[in-house]
Structures are given as structure tokens and as C-alpha cells.
All heavy atoms as atom14 arrays in JSON, in Angstrom:
{
  "sequence": "SGGMRQRVMIAMAIACNPELLIADEPTTALDVTI",
  "atom14_mask": [
    [1, 1, 1, 1, 1, 1, 0, 0, 0, 0, 0, 0, 0, 0],
    [1, 1, 1, 1, 0, 0, 0, 0, 0, 0, 0, 0, 0, 0],
    [1, 1, 1, 1, 0, 0, 0, 0, 0, 0, 0, 0, 0, 0],
    [1, 1, 1, 1, 1, 1, 1, 1, 0, 0, 0, 0, 0, 0],
    [1, 1, 1, 1, 1, 1, 1, 1, 1, 1, 1, 0, 0, 0],
    [1, 1, 1, 1, 1, 1, 1, 1, 1, 0, 0, 0, 0, 0],
    [1, 1, 1, 1, 1, 1, 1, 1, 1, 1, 1, 0, 0, 0],
    [1, 1, 1, 1, 1, 1, 1, 0, 0, 0, 0, 0, 0, 0],
    [1, 1, 1, 1, 1, 1, 1, 1, 0, 0, 0, 0, 0, 0],
    [1, 1, 1, 1, 1, 1, 1, 1, 0, 0, 0, 0, 0, 0],
    [1, 1, 1, 1, 1, 0, 0, 0, 0, 0, 0, 0, 0, 0],
    [1, 1, 1, 1, 1, 1, 1, 1, 0, 0, 0, 0, 0, 0],
    [1, 1, 1, 1, 1, 0, 0, 0, 0, 0, 0, 0, 0, 0],
    [1, 1, 1, 1, 1, 1, 1, 1, 0, 0, 0, 0, 0, 0],
    [1, 1, 1, 1, 1, 0, 0, 0, 0, 0, 0, 0, 0, 0],
    [1, 1, 1, 1, 1, 1, 0, 0, 0, 0, 0, 0, 0, 0],
    [1, 1, 1, 1, 1, 1, 1, 1, 0, 0, 0, 0, 0, 0],
    [1, 1, 1, 1, 1, 1, 1, 0, 0, 0, 0, 0, 0, 0],
    [1, 1, 1, 1, 1, 1, 1, 1, 1, 0, 0, 0, 0, 0],
    [1, 1, 1, 1, 1, 1, 1, 1, 0, 0, 0, 0, 0, 0],
    [1, 1, 1, 1, 1, 1, 1, 1, 0, 0, 0, 0, 0, 0],
    [1, 1, 1, 1, 1, 1, 1, 1, 0, 0, 0, 0, 0, 0],
    [1, 1, 1, 1, 1, 0, 0, 0, 0, 0, 0, 0, 0, 0],
    [1, 1, 1, 1, 1, 1, 1, 1, 0, 0, 0, 0, 0, 0],
    [1, 1, 1, 1, 1, 1, 1, 1, 1, 0, 0, 0, 0, 0],
    [1, 1, 1, 1, 1, 1, 1, 0, 0, 0, 0, 0, 0, 0],
    [1, 1, 1, 1, 1, 1, 1, 0, 0, 0, 0, 0, 0, 0],
    [1, 1, 1, 1, 1, 1, 1, 0, 0, 0, 0, 0, 0, 0],
    [1, 1, 1, 1, 1, 0, 0, 0, 0, 0, 0, 0, 0, 0],
    [1, 1, 1, 1, 1, 1, 1, 1, 0, 0, 0, 0, 0, 0],
    [1, 1, 1, 1, 1, 1, 1, 1, 0, 0, 0, 0, 0, 0],
    [1, 1, 1, 1, 1, 1, 1, 0, 0, 0, 0, 0, 0, 0],
    [1, 1, 1, 1, 1, 1, 1, 0, 0, 0, 0, 0, 0, 0],
    [1, 1, 1, 1, 1, 1, 1, 1, 0, 0, 0, 0, 0, 0]
  ],
  "atom14_positions": [
    [[-82.87, -29.11, 118.94], [-82.09, -28.48, 120.0], [-82.79, -27.21, 120.46], [-83.72, -26.71, 119.82], [-80.69, -28.14, 119.49], [-80.78, -27.12, 118.5], [0.0, 0.0, 0.0], [0.0, 0.0, 0.0], [0.0, 0.0, 0.0], [0.0, 0.0, 0.0], [0.0, 0.0, 0.0], [0.0, 0.0, 0.0], [0.0, 0.0, 0.0], [0.0, 0.0, 0.0]],
    [[-82.32, -26.65, 121.59], [-82.91, -25.41, 122.09], [-82.8, -24.27, 121.1], [-83.73, -23.49, 120.92], [0.0, 0.0, 0.0], [0.0, 0.0, 0.0], [0.0, 0.0, 0.0], [0.0, 0.0, 0.0], [0.0, 0.0, 0.0], [0.0, 0.0, 0.0], [0.0, 0.0, 0.0], [0.0, 0.0, 0.0], [0.0, 0.0, 0.0], [0.0, 0.0, 0.0]],
    [[-81.65, -24.17, 120.44], [-81.47, -23.13, 119.44], [-82.4, -23.28, 118.26], [-82.95, -22.3, 117.75], [0.0, 0.0, 0.0], [0.0, 0.0, 0.0], [0.0, 0.0, 0.0], [0.0, 0.0, 0.0], [0.0, 0.0, 0.0], [0.0, 0.0, 0.0], [0.0, 0.0, 0.0], [0.0, 0.0, 0.0], [0.0, 0.0, 0.0], [0.0, 0.0, 0.0]],
    [[-82.61, -24.51, 117.82], [-83.51, -24.76, 116.7], [-84.96, -24.44, 117.08], [-85.72, -23.87, 116.29], [-83.4, -26.21, 116.23], [-82.17, -26.51, 115.41], [-82.25, -28.15, 114.68], [-80.69, -28.22, 113.84], [0.0, 0.0, 0.0], [0.0, 0.0, 0.0], [0.0, 0.0, 0.0], [0.0, 0.0, 0.0], [0.0, 0.0, 0.0], [0.0, 0.0, 0.0]],
    [[-85.35, -24.82, 118.31], [-86.71, -24.51, 118.75], [-86.94, -23.0, 118.79], [-88.01, -22.51, 118.42], [-86.98, -25.13, 120.12], [-87.11, -26.64, 120.1], [-87.69, -27.17, 121.4], [-86.81, -26.95, 122.53], [-85.93, -27.84, 122.98], [-85.81, -29.02, 122.38], [-85.18, -27.58, 124.04], [0.0, 0.0, 0.0], [0.0, 0.0, 0.0], [0.0, 0.0, 0.0]],
    [[-85.93, -22.26, 119.25], [-86.06, -20.81, 119.28], [-86.19, -20.25, 117.86], [-86.97, -19.32, 117.61], [-84.85, -20.2, 119.99], [-85.01, -18.73, 120.33], [-85.97, -18.49, 121.48], [-87.07, -19.04, 121.51], [-85.59, -17.67, 122.42], [0.0, 0.0, 0.0], [0.0, 0.0, 0.0], [0.0, 0.0, 0.0], [0.0, 0.0, 0.0], [0.0, 0.0, 0.0]],
    [[-85.46, -20.84, 116.93], [-85.56, -20.4, 115.53], [-86.93, -20.73, 114.94], [-87.47, -19.97, 114.14], [-84.45, -21.06, 114.69], [-83.07, -20.49, 114.98], [-81.98, -21.38, 114.39], [-80.66, -20.88, 114.74], [-79.91, -20.12, 113.93], [-80.37, -19.78, 112.74], [-78.72, -19.7, 114.31], [0.0, 0.0, 0.0], [0.0, 0.0, 0.0], [0.0, 0.0, 0.0]],
    [[-87.5, -21.86, 115.35], [-88.86, -22.19, 114.91], [-89.84, -21.13, 115.42], [-90.73, -20.69, 114.69], [-89.27, -23.59, 115.42], [-90.76, -23.83, 115.18], [-88.45, -24.67, 114.7], [0.0, 0.0, 0.0], [0.0, 0.0, 0.0], [0.0, 0.0, 0.0], [0.0, 0.0, 0.0], [0.0, 0.0, 0.0], [0.0, 0.0, 0.0], [0.0, 0.0, 0.0]],
    [[-89.68, -20.71, 116.69], [-90.54, -19.68, 117.24], [-90.4, -18.37, 116.45], [-91.39, -17.68, 116.19], [-90.21, -19.44, 118.71], [-90.69, -20.53, 119.64], [-92.49, -20.71, 119.65], [-93.01, -19.07, 120.14], [0.0, 0.0, 0.0], [0.0, 0.0, 0.0], [0.0, 0.0, 0.0], [0.0, 0.0, 0.0], [0.0, 0.0, 0.0], [0.0, 0.0, 0.0]],
    [[-89.17, -18.04, 116.06], [-88.96, -16.83, 115.26], [-89.61, -16.99, 113.89], [-90.25, -16.06, 113.38], [-87.46, -16.52, 115.14], [-86.88, -16.16, 116.5], [-87.22, -15.38, 114.15], [-85.38, -15.96, 116.51], [0.0, 0.0, 0.0], [0.0, 0.0, 0.0], [0.0, 0.0, 0.0], [0.0, 0.0, 0.0], [0.0, 0.0, 0.0], [0.0, 0.0, 0.0]],
    [[-89.48, -18.17, 113.29], [-90.12, -18.42, 112.0], [-91.63, -18.25, 112.1], [-92.26, -17.66, 111.21], [-89.77, -19.83, 111.52], [0.0, 0.0, 0.0], [0.0, 0.0, 0.0], [0.0, 0.0, 0.0], [0.0, 0.0, 0.0], [0.0, 0.0, 0.0], [0.0, 0.0, 0.0], [0.0, 0.0, 0.0], [0.0, 0.0, 0.0], [0.0, 0.0, 0.0]],
    [[-92.25, -18.76, 113.17], [-93.68, -18.59, 113.36], [-94.04, -17.12, 113.54], [-95.06, -16.65, 113.03], [-94.15, -19.4, 114.58], [-94.04, -20.9, 114.41], [-94.52, -21.82, 115.89], [-96.29, -21.49, 115.93], [0.0, 0.0, 0.0], [0.0, 0.0, 0.0], [0.0, 0.0, 0.0], [0.0, 0.0, 0.0], [0.0, 0.0, 0.0], [0.0, 0.0, 0.0]],
    [[-93.17, -16.39, 114.25], [-93.45, -14.98, 114.53], [-93.38, -14.12, 113.27], [-94.1, -13.13, 113.16], [-92.48, -14.46, 115.58], [0.0, 0.0, 0.0], [0.0, 0.0, 0.0], [0.0, 0.0, 0.0], [0.0, 0.0, 0.0], [0.0, 0.0, 0.0], [0.0, 0.0, 0.0], [0.0, 0.0, 0.0], [0.0, 0.0, 0.0], [0.0, 0.0, 0.0]],
    [[-92.51, -14.48, 112.32], [-92.34, -13.64, 111.13], [-93.09, -14.18, 109.93], [-93.01, -13.62, 108.84], [-90.85, -13.5, 110.77], [-90.28, -14.86, 110.33], [-90.07, -12.93, 111.93], [-88.89, -14.77, 109.76], [0.0, 0.0, 0.0], [0.0, 0.0, 0.0], [0.0, 0.0, 0.0], [0.0, 0.0, 0.0], [0.0, 0.0, 0.0], [0.0, 0.0, 0.0]],
    [[-93.87, -15.26, 110.11], [-94.52, -15.93, 108.99], [-95.41, -14.98, 108.19], [-95.57, -15.13, 106.98], [-95.35, -17.11, 109.5], [0.0, 0.0, 0.0], [0.0, 0.0, 0.0], [0.0, 0.0, 0.0], [0.0, 0.0, 0.0], [0.0, 0.0, 0.0], [0.0, 0.0, 0.0], [0.0, 0.0, 0.0], [0.0, 0.0, 0.0], [0.0, 0.0, 0.0]],
    [[-96.01, -14.0, 108.86], [-96.94, -13.09, 108.18], [-96.38, -11.69, 108.03], [-97.15, -10.72, 107.87], [-98.26, -13.06, 108.94], [-99.05, -14.67, 109.09], [0.0, 0.0, 0.0], [0.0, 0.0, 0.0], [0.0, 0.0, 0.0], [0.0, 0.0, 0.0], [0.0, 0.0, 0.0], [0.0, 0.0, 0.0], [0.0, 0.0, 0.0], [0.0, 0.0, 0.0]],
    [[-95.05, -11.55, 108.09], [-94.4, -10.24, 107.95], [-95.01, -9.2, 108.89], [-95.58, -8.19, 108.46], [-94.48, -9.74, 106.5], [-93.76, -10.63, 105.53], [-92.88, -11.39, 105.91], [-94.16, -10.56, 104.26], [0.0, 0.0, 0.0], [0.0, 0.0, 0.0], [0.0, 0.0, 0.0], [0.0, 0.0, 0.0], [0.0, 0.0, 0.0], [0.0, 0.0, 0.0]],
    [[-94.92, -9.41, 110.2], [-95.58, -8.51, 111.15], [-94.98, -7.11, 111.15], [-93.81, -6.92, 110.84], [-95.34, -9.21, 112.5], [-94.04, -9.94, 112.31], [-94.09, -10.43, 110.9], [0.0, 0.0, 0.0], [0.0, 0.0, 0.0], [0.0, 0.0, 0.0], [0.0, 0.0, 0.0], [0.0, 0.0, 0.0], [0.0, 0.0, 0.0], [0.0, 0.0, 0.0]],
    [[-95.81, -6.14, 111.51], [-95.34, -4.77, 111.66], [-94.65, -4.58, 113.01], [-93.83, -3.68, 113.16], [-96.52, -3.8, 111.53], [-97.17, -3.84, 110.15], [-98.54, -3.19, 110.15], [-98.6, -1.96, 110.41], [-99.54, -3.89, 109.9], [0.0, 0.0, 0.0], [0.0, 0.0, 0.0], [0.0, 0.0, 0.0], [0.0, 0.0, 0.0], [0.0, 0.0, 0.0]],
    [[-95.02, -5.41, 114.0], [-94.43, -5.32, 115.33], [-94.13, -6.72, 115.84], [-95.0, -7.6, 115.8], [-95.38, -4.62, 116.31], [-94.96, -4.6, 117.79], [-93.66, -3.8, 117.97], [-96.07, -4.01, 118.66], [0.0, 0.0, 0.0], [0.0, 0.0, 0.0], [0.0, 0.0, 0.0], [0.0, 0.0, 0.0], [0.0, 0.0, 0.0], [0.0, 0.0, 0.0]],
    [[-92.9, -6.91, 116.31], [-92.48, -8.18, 116.9], [-92.17, -7.95, 118.37], [-91.34, -7.11, 118.71], [-91.23, -8.71, 116.18], [-90.59, -9.98, 116.75], [-91.54, -11.17, 116.65], [-89.28, -10.29, 116.03], [0.0, 0.0, 0.0], [0.0, 0.0, 0.0], [0.0, 0.0, 0.0], [0.0, 0.0, 0.0], [0.0, 0.0, 0.0], [0.0, 0.0, 0.0]],
    [[-92.86, -8.69, 119.25], [-92.59, -8.63, 120.69], [-91.72, -9.83, 121.03], [-92.13, -10.97, 120.87], [-93.9, -8.67, 121.5], [-94.81, -7.5, 121.1], [-93.59, -8.63, 122.99], [-96.19, -7.56, 121.72], [0.0, 0.0, 0.0], [0.0, 0.0, 0.0], [0.0, 0.0, 0.0], [0.0, 0.0, 0.0], [0.0, 0.0, 0.0], [0.0, 0.0, 0.0]],
    [[-90.51, -9.56, 121.47], [-89.54, -10.62, 121.78], [-89.28, -10.64, 123.28], [-88.6, -9.75, 123.81], [-88.24, -10.4, 121.0], [0.0, 0.0, 0.0], [0.0, 0.0, 0.0], [0.0, 0.0, 0.0], [0.0, 0.0, 0.0], [0.0, 0.0, 0.0], [0.0, 0.0, 0.0], [0.0, 0.0, 0.0], [0.0, 0.0, 0.0], [0.0, 0.0, 0.0]],
    [[-89.83, -11.64, 123.97], [-89.71, -11.74, 125.42], [-88.56, -12.68, 125.76], [-88.68, -13.89, 125.62], [-91.03, -12.25, 126.02], [-91.05, -12.18, 127.54], [-90.04, -11.75, 128.12], [-92.07, -12.55, 128.14], [0.0, 0.0, 0.0], [0.0, 0.0, 0.0], [0.0, 0.0, 0.0], [0.0, 0.0, 0.0], [0.0, 0.0, 0.0], [0.0, 0.0, 0.0]],
    [[-87.44, -12.11, 126.18], [-86.23, -12.88, 126.51], [-85.91, -13.88, 125.39], [-85.86, -15.09, 125.6], [-86.42, -13.63, 127.84], [-86.74, -12.75, 129.02], [-85.52, -12.02, 129.58], [-84.44, -12.15, 128.99], [-85.68, -11.32, 130.59], [0.0, 0.0, 0.0], [0.0, 0.0, 0.0], [0.0, 0.0, 0.0], [0.0, 0.0, 0.0], [0.0, 0.0, 0.0]],
    [[-85.66, -13.39, 124.16], [-85.51, -14.29, 123.02], [-84.28, -15.18, 123.06], [-84.21, -16.15, 122.3], [-85.46, -13.33, 121.82], [-84.92, -12.06, 122.39], [-85.5, -11.98, 123.77], [0.0, 0.0, 0.0], [0.0, 0.0, 0.0], [0.0, 0.0, 0.0], [0.0, 0.0, 0.0], [0.0, 0.0, 0.0], [0.0, 0.0, 0.0], [0.0, 0.0, 0.0]],
    [[-83.3, -14.87, 123.92], [-82.08, -15.69, 123.95], [-81.89, -16.41, 125.29], [-80.81, -16.93, 125.56], [-80.84, -14.81, 123.67], [-80.75, -13.79, 124.67], [-80.92, -14.17, 122.3], [0.0, 0.0, 0.0], [0.0, 0.0, 0.0], [0.0, 0.0, 0.0], [0.0, 0.0, 0.0], [0.0, 0.0, 0.0], [0.0, 0.0, 0.0], [0.0, 0.0, 0.0]],
    [[-82.94, -16.45, 126.11], [-82.84, -17.13, 127.4], [-82.46, -18.6, 127.21], [-83.02, -19.3, 126.36], [-84.17, -17.05, 128.16], [-84.41, -15.67, 128.46], [-84.12, -17.84, 129.46], [0.0, 0.0, 0.0], [0.0, 0.0, 0.0], [0.0, 0.0, 0.0], [0.0, 0.0, 0.0], [0.0, 0.0, 0.0], [0.0, 0.0, 0.0], [0.0, 0.0, 0.0]],
    [[-81.51, -19.08, 128.0], [-81.1, -20.49, 128.06], [-80.39, -20.97, 126.79], [-80.19, -22.16, 126.61], [-82.29, -21.4, 128.35], [0.0, 0.0, 0.0], [0.0, 0.0, 0.0], [0.0, 0.0, 0.0], [0.0, 0.0, 0.0], [0.0, 0.0, 0.0], [0.0, 0.0, 0.0], [0.0, 0.0, 0.0], [0.0, 0.0, 0.0], [0.0, 0.0, 0.0]],
    [[-80.0, -20.04, 125.91], [-79.23, -20.42, 124.73], [-77.75, -20.15, 124.97], [-77.39, -19.2, 125.66], [-79.7, -19.62, 123.51], [-81.17, -19.76, 123.11], [-81.45, -18.91, 121.88], [-81.54, -21.21, 122.84], [0.0, 0.0, 0.0], [0.0, 0.0, 0.0], [0.0, 0.0, 0.0], [0.0, 0.0, 0.0], [0.0, 0.0, 0.0], [0.0, 0.0, 0.0]],
    [[-76.9, -21.0, 124.4], [-75.47, -20.74, 124.56], [-75.08, -19.51, 123.74], [-75.83, -19.05, 122.87], [-74.64, -21.96, 124.16], [-74.75, -22.31, 122.69], [-74.45, -21.44, 121.85], [-75.13, -23.45, 122.37], [0.0, 0.0, 0.0], [0.0, 0.0, 0.0], [0.0, 0.0, 0.0], [0.0, 0.0, 0.0], [0.0, 0.0, 0.0], [0.0, 0.0, 0.0]],
    [[-73.9, -18.95, 124.03], [-73.54, -17.64, 123.47], [-73.46, -17.65, 121.95], [-73.77, -16.65, 121.3], [-72.21, -17.14, 124.08], [-72.4, -16.8, 125.54], [-71.1, -18.16, 123.9], [0.0, 0.0, 0.0], [0.0, 0.0, 0.0], [0.0, 0.0, 0.0], [0.0, 0.0, 0.0], [0.0, 0.0, 0.0], [0.0, 0.0, 0.0], [0.0, 0.0, 0.0]],
    [[-73.06, -18.77, 121.37], [-72.97, -18.85, 119.9], [-74.35, -18.76, 119.29], [-74.57, -18.0, 118.32], [-72.3, -20.17, 119.47], [-70.99, -20.23, 120.05], [-72.18, -20.24, 117.96], [0.0, 0.0, 0.0], [0.0, 0.0, 0.0], [0.0, 0.0, 0.0], [0.0, 0.0, 0.0], [0.0, 0.0, 0.0], [0.0, 0.0, 0.0], [0.0, 0.0, 0.0]],
    [[-75.31, -19.51, 119.83], [-76.67, -19.47, 119.31], [-77.31, -18.11, 119.59], [-78.05, -17.58, 118.76], [-77.52, -20.6, 119.92], [-76.9, -21.96, 119.6], [-78.95, -20.55, 119.4], [-76.77, -22.25, 118.11], [0.0, 0.0, 0.0], [0.0, 0.0, 0.0], [0.0, 0.0, 0.0], [0.0, 0.0, 0.0], [0.0, 0.0, 0.0], [0.0, 0.0, 0.0]]
  ]
}
């Protein structure tokens, strides 16, 4: 689902414990619950 794909992107982004995370419209096209 769209929410799961967004979570996969977040998982990829935090995989190496980054010092800085750039989140470009991280909730675009997701329903309010997600």
C-alpha cells in the first residue's frame, strides 16, 4: 500500500542512523491515519 511504501522509504533513510534526515513532503497522498 502507499503507507507501507512510505514506511519502506523511511526504513531505507534510517538504515545507517543518519545525523540528518531530509523529508520532502513525507505524508503526501497518504490518508490521515497513515
